[in-house]
Amino acid sequence: MDEERTKALSDRLMTGARKIFESNRLGQYLRAASLFRGYSPRNAALIFFQKPDATYVAGYDEWKKLGRYVRRGETGITIFAPAMVSTEVSRPVFDDDGNPVPDEKGSPQTETTVRTKIQFHTAAVFDILQTDGDPIPALCGQKKNAAPDYQSVFRAVQKACPYRILFGSLPGEEAGHCCREERKIVLRTGMEDREIIETLLRGCVTAMMPHHAGTGREQERLEEEGAAFLLSDFFGADTSGYRFDSVSVWSHGMDSGQLWEMLENIQGSANEIIFRIDAAMKSVEKVQARKPEKLKNRLEKAAALSEKLSAGKEVIRNGKLPVQ
């Protein structure tokens, strides 16, 4: 029975992927995916398909631990849950020369080993709006309500991104671009900090996001735009400028497997880049929290750092954010 439910859920996943593209709901889906970054891409998608307005989900027992209770009559959101399954397997015993070892009766000797593998079954979770009980002071996503620390984000991206980050004059109203051939991200001089971070995160995705061989440039652009949306949403940058209105036309004729692969690539790549930038940010914050050194030591380190940067990074200091 559970195998049937698992197959039905997998089919629903494929059907849902097509509906996301055909109905121009990619932007809505990505907003939901950013709320459930701790879940696998397919479980985040299943939550969105079944309850698009969900904001925080947990299992029945987990809600009880949090002092809340699922209301009677509420329908759960079905997702995949992993389980470790162990099975005993018999295999022949061989000597050092690779020959079968006979037992006392002359038959090939066997030994029993235990193999463990992960199998997926279905499980139900419930959104907080389906529960009553104690208020929860800290829910996922509260970080986005605080004013973003643009200085820390910039320094963290600078530390995590393998490309040089430069400021300079650009034609027209272009805010910035990423040049893969020269491994650099160029930002227009004189922008506000908010604009710098929004443009930098887009360029960072282009620089750090892997693409599979044979992927067309249009698909690459869509995947980069989706991943940049998730980065911007996570780090508190404005996402109102993102548009996915043309995906229904562009994706016409693609099968569900291809569409789902794109969604997985967007979320998987975004999560990896977020992890690297977030780790760099923690490192930056740790350095900032250290006790100030004596002036002489700071000057010596600054001189050494300046020499290192001039050899490895070109920096134009007309941007408003300080560049190290």
Foldseek 3Di string as FASTA:
>chain_A
DQVVVVVVLVVVLLVLLLCCLQVVVLVLLLVQCLLVLVDALSQSSQCCVVPSPFRAKDAQVVCVVVFKHFDPPDDFRKDKDKDKDKDKDKDFDADPVRHFDADPVRHGDIDIDIDIDIDIGMGTMDGPVRIDGDDDPDGRLVVLVDDFDLLLLVQLLCVLAPAFEEEDDDPDPDQWAADQVRRYTYGYFPDDSLSVNLSSLLNSLVRQQDDDPPDDPVLVVVLSLSLSLSLCSVRNHDNVPRGSRCSSVVCPPPGSVVSVVSSNSSSVRSSVSNVSSVVSSVVVVVVVPDDDDDPVVVVVVVVVVVVVCVVPHDYDPRHPHDDD
